[in-house]
Protein backbone atom coordinates (compact mmCIF):
# COMPACT_ATOMS: atom_id res chain seq x y z
CA MET A 1 0.00 0.03 -0.03
CA ASN A 2 1.29 3.97 0.09
CA ILE A 3 1.15 5.41 2.88
CA LEU A 4 1.58 8.76 3.72
CA ILE A 5 2.98 10.25 6.93
CA THR A 6 3.84 13.59 7.77
CA GLY A 7 6.85 14.85 10.37
CA THR A 8 8.94 11.93 9.19
CA SER A 9 12.04 13.62 10.17
CA SER A 10 12.35 12.22 13.50
CA GLY A 11 10.27 11.07 17.10
CA ILE A 12 6.95 9.15 16.22
CA GLY A 13 6.60 9.68 12.68
CA ARG A 14 10.52 8.27 11.56
CA ALA A 15 9.79 5.34 13.81
CA ALA A 16 5.98 4.61 12.22
CA ALA A 17 7.61 5.35 8.55
CA LEU A 18 10.29 2.55 9.54
CA LEU A 19 7.84 0.24 10.45
CA PHE A 20 5.87 0.32 7.64
CA LEU A 21 9.12 0.10 5.48
CA GLU A 22 9.90 -2.62 7.07
CA ARG A 23 6.53 -4.98 6.68
CA GLY A 24 7.05 -3.97 2.94
CA HIS A 25 4.64 -0.73 2.12
CA ASN A 26 5.57 2.52 0.05
CA VAL A 27 5.58 5.67 2.97
CA TYR A 28 5.38 8.77 1.67
CA GLY A 29 6.88 11.52 4.08
CA ILE A 30 6.27 14.84 4.18
CA ASP A 31 7.93 16.86 6.61
CA ILE A 32 9.25 20.41 6.82
CA GLN A 33 13.28 18.94 7.58
CA GLU A 34 15.62 17.18 5.58
CA ALA A 35 15.16 13.34 5.57
CA THR A 36 16.59 10.69 7.86
CA ILE A 37 15.28 7.67 6.22
CA PRO A 38 17.55 6.56 3.30
CA GLN A 39 15.32 7.47 0.06
CA GLY A 40 14.53 4.81 -2.47
CA SER A 41 13.45 1.10 -2.28
CA LEU A 42 14.95 -0.75 0.79
CA LYS A 43 15.91 -4.65 0.20
CA GLU A 44 12.54 -6.88 0.88
CA ARG A 45 10.92 -3.33 1.91
CA GLY A 46 8.99 -0.89 0.87
CA SER A 47 9.86 1.96 -1.21
CA TYR A 48 10.30 5.80 1.31
CA THR A 49 9.96 9.32 -0.53
CA HIS A 50 10.86 12.07 1.00
CA ILE A 51 9.17 15.56 0.67
CA ARG A 52 10.64 18.44 2.26
CA ALA A 53 6.96 20.88 3.31
CA ASP A 54 5.36 23.15 5.67
CA ILE A 55 2.22 21.39 5.86
CA THR A 56 0.40 24.99 7.09
CA GLY A 57 1.41 25.60 3.18
CA GLU A 58 1.28 24.58 -0.15
CA LEU A 59 0.74 20.62 -0.27
CA PRO A 60 2.60 18.67 -2.42
CA GLN A 61 0.70 16.36 -5.17
CA LEU A 62 1.30 12.85 -4.40
CA PRO A 63 0.06 9.37 -5.88
CA GLN A 64 -2.71 8.77 -4.38
CA CYS A 65 -2.55 7.01 -0.65
CA GLU A 66 -4.93 4.68 1.51
CA VAL A 67 -3.31 5.53 4.75
CA VAL A 68 -2.74 9.02 5.78
CA ILE A 69 -1.46 9.30 9.14
CA ALA A 70 -1.44 13.01 10.36
CA ASN A 71 1.50 13.17 12.74
CA ALA A 72 3.43 16.53 12.32
CA GLY A 73 2.94 18.62 15.39
CA VAL A 74 5.03 21.54 17.37
CA GLN A 75 4.96 22.54 20.56
CA GLN A 76 5.38 26.20 22.26
CA SER A 77 6.14 27.11 18.65
CA GLY A 78 4.02 30.17 18.56
CA ARG A 79 2.60 28.37 15.66
CA ASP A 80 1.05 25.16 17.47
CA ILE A 81 -2.77 26.41 16.19
CA ASP A 82 -1.48 26.36 12.64
CA VAL A 83 0.99 23.48 12.04
CA ASN A 84 -1.10 21.36 14.59
CA LEU A 85 -4.43 21.69 14.01
CA LYS A 86 -4.83 23.73 11.07
CA GLY A 87 -1.97 22.12 9.27
CA THR A 88 -3.60 18.52 10.23
CA ILE A 89 -6.93 19.74 9.24
CA ALA A 90 -5.01 20.76 5.81
CA THR A 91 -3.26 17.03 5.14
CA VAL A 92 -6.40 15.17 5.91
CA GLU A 93 -8.27 17.18 3.50
CA LYS A 94 -6.06 17.30 0.57
CA TYR A 95 -5.08 13.29 0.65
CA ALA A 96 -7.76 11.46 2.70
CA PHE A 97 -10.85 11.68 0.79
CA HIS A 98 -11.62 9.31 -2.74
CA LYS A 99 -12.50 6.30 -2.53
CA GLY A 100 -9.12 4.03 -2.17
CA ILE A 101 -8.95 5.41 1.75
CA ARG A 102 -8.28 2.61 4.03
CA ALA A 103 -7.87 4.87 7.09
CA VAL A 104 -6.99 7.81 8.78
CA LEU A 105 -5.23 8.58 12.27
CA ILE A 106 -4.60 12.22 13.61
CA MET A 107 -1.68 12.17 16.19
CA CYS A 108 -3.44 13.89 18.78
CA SER A 109 -2.58 14.03 22.90
CA ALA A 110 -3.05 13.54 26.01
CA SER A 111 -2.82 16.91 27.00
CA ALA A 112 -6.16 17.20 24.88
CA HIS A 113 -8.01 15.16 27.48
CA SER A 114 -5.76 16.71 30.26
CA GLY A 115 -5.45 20.59 29.51
CA ALA A 116 -1.70 19.98 31.18
CA GLU A 117 0.82 21.57 28.73
CA PHE A 118 1.54 25.24 27.00
CA PRO A 119 -1.83 26.98 25.87
CA GLU A 120 -1.45 26.87 22.27
CA TYR A 121 -0.30 22.88 22.17
CA ALA A 122 -3.73 22.00 24.60
CA ALA A 123 -6.09 24.35 22.40
CA SER A 124 -4.51 22.98 19.31
CA LYS A 125 -4.86 19.01 20.20
CA GLY A 126 -7.94 19.60 21.95
CA GLY A 127 -9.35 20.60 18.54
CA LEU A 128 -8.15 17.69 16.87
CA LEU A 129 -10.15 15.72 18.82
CA SER A 130 -13.31 17.09 17.55
CA TYR A 131 -12.06 17.38 13.54
CA MET A 132 -11.01 13.51 14.01
CA ARG A 133 -14.99 12.82 14.64
CA ASN A 134 -15.79 15.59 12.38
CA ALA A 135 -13.88 13.31 9.31
CA ALA A 136 -14.78 10.01 10.66
CA GLN A 137 -18.25 10.77 9.97
CA ARG A 138 -17.87 11.78 6.36
CA LEU A 139 -14.97 9.48 5.56
CA ALA A 140 -17.49 6.39 6.48
CA LYS A 141 -19.13 6.75 3.12
CA PHE A 142 -16.05 5.27 1.74
CA GLY A 143 -15.92 2.41 4.49
CA ALA A 144 -12.68 3.72 5.82
CA VAL A 145 -11.34 4.29 9.34
CA CYS A 146 -10.15 7.65 11.22
CA ASN A 147 -9.58 7.99 14.65
CA SER A 148 -6.79 9.86 17.02
CA LEU A 149 -3.90 8.12 18.75
CA SER A 150 -3.21 10.51 22.05
CA PRO A 151 0.03 9.32 23.94
CA GLY A 152 1.63 10.53 27.41
CA GLY A 153 5.06 11.07 28.01
CA VAL A 154 7.28 10.14 24.78
CA THR A 155 11.33 9.49 24.66
CA THR A 156 11.15 12.06 21.89
CA GLU A 157 13.64 14.64 21.24
CA LEU A 158 10.74 17.12 21.75
CA ASN A 159 10.94 16.15 25.31
CA ARG A 160 14.56 16.43 26.09
CA PRO A 161 14.34 19.20 28.41
CA VAL A 162 12.72 17.20 31.19
CA MET A 163 14.09 13.86 30.52
CA ASP A 164 17.67 15.34 30.86
CA ASP A 165 17.03 16.89 34.49
CA ALA A 166 16.81 15.04 37.09
CA SER A 167 14.60 16.60 39.65
CA LEU A 168 12.01 16.76 36.81
CA TRP A 169 11.90 13.59 35.20
CA ALA A 170 11.63 12.26 39.16
CA GLN A 171 8.41 14.40 39.47
CA ILE A 172 6.96 12.91 35.87
CA MET A 173 7.90 9.57 37.44
CA ASP A 174 5.95 10.32 40.46
CA CYS A 175 2.65 10.85 38.46
CA THR A 176 2.86 8.06 36.10
CA PRO A 177 1.84 4.93 37.38
CA LEU A 178 3.87 2.65 34.76
CA ARG A 179 7.24 4.71 36.10
CA ARG A 180 8.61 4.89 32.11
CA TRP A 181 7.92 6.43 29.40
CA ALA A 182 6.77 5.04 25.91
CA SER A 183 9.72 4.42 23.30
CA PRO A 184 7.93 5.90 19.53
CA GLU A 185 8.96 2.55 18.67
CA GLU A 186 5.98 2.06 20.90
CA ILE A 187 3.35 4.46 19.55
CA ALA A 188 4.25 3.28 16.11
CA LEU A 189 3.11 0.17 16.63
CA TRP A 190 -0.65 1.08 17.59
CA VAL A 191 -0.29 3.59 14.33
CA TRP A 192 0.11 0.34 12.82
CA PHE A 193 -2.41 -1.38 14.63
CA LEU A 194 -4.90 1.56 14.05
CA THR A 195 -4.42 1.60 10.59
CA MET A 196 -4.03 -1.67 9.26
CA GLU A 197 -5.31 -4.35 11.84
CA ASN A 198 -8.61 -2.08 12.49
CA ARG A 199 -11.30 -2.30 10.71
CA PHE A 200 -14.38 -1.75 12.46
CA CYS A 201 -13.08 0.90 15.45
CA THR A 202 -13.46 4.50 14.01
CA GLY A 203 -14.20 7.81 15.20
CA GLN A 204 -12.31 6.97 18.78
CA ASP A 205 -9.60 8.28 20.67
CA ILE A 206 -7.00 6.12 21.99
CA LEU A 207 -5.49 7.31 24.80
CA VAL A 208 -1.59 5.64 25.71
CA ASP A 209 -0.55 7.42 28.71
CA GLY A 210 0.97 4.49 31.07
CA GLY A 211 -2.49 5.00 33.26
CA GLU A 212 -1.56 8.50 33.92
CA LYS A 213 -5.03 10.49 33.74
CA ASP A 214 -7.12 7.72 35.18
CA LEU A 215 -5.03 5.74 37.12
CA ASN A 216 -3.23 8.02 38.91
CA SER A 217 -5.61 8.14 42.23
CA HIS A 218 -3.56 8.08 45.59
CA PHE A 219 -5.22 5.92 48.22
CA VAL A 220 -3.97 6.82 51.69
CA TRP A 221 -4.28 4.72 54.87
CA PRO A 222 -2.30 3.00 57.66
CA GLU A 223 -0.09 0.24 56.11
CA ASP A 224 -0.82 -2.39 59.41
CA GLN A 225 -4.91 -1.63 59.49
């Protein structure tokens, strides 16, 4: 299949692109940064094509893709609404609405549920939850599923300011029941499942946060009673 993934130069997008390539699919990656994945056909794998583009600007013409993964995003950039919300909407509207579409996945964030991050970032991701459900309703006529994925903490370069600070990291682990963050490769497996294995779940947001939102309650009682 032809797979479109935005934001493939690093983090979750890169991990997802590598997974789809390893499993024999052709990946078209759109990123404002240069490619970090070798272009062209890989032995016994799919083919990677990198397009340098800003998703808030003019989007390139591409071959029809059966899967669209809108992953590109920024954080505390001054452009969070433009890139994360408007850019994602533009991407899905341009590439997803055709008869051959199989699945659309929008990369959201646990912050969309909690609001516990930078204001524009949380707002941009919250807006994507509503847009995902709107798109899911319209894509259903093509037989396509459309969902969003909301990771909690992920060990990407974007999160170095807290990952490299022992004190801040300890605070984060105190409110994360599994006492760790996900790797980009772990999140990529969710991307694969929701777009390639899943054929009936649609219009849903999948929260993958190590239990931080729903399990982070503390019952205090004397241990000997």
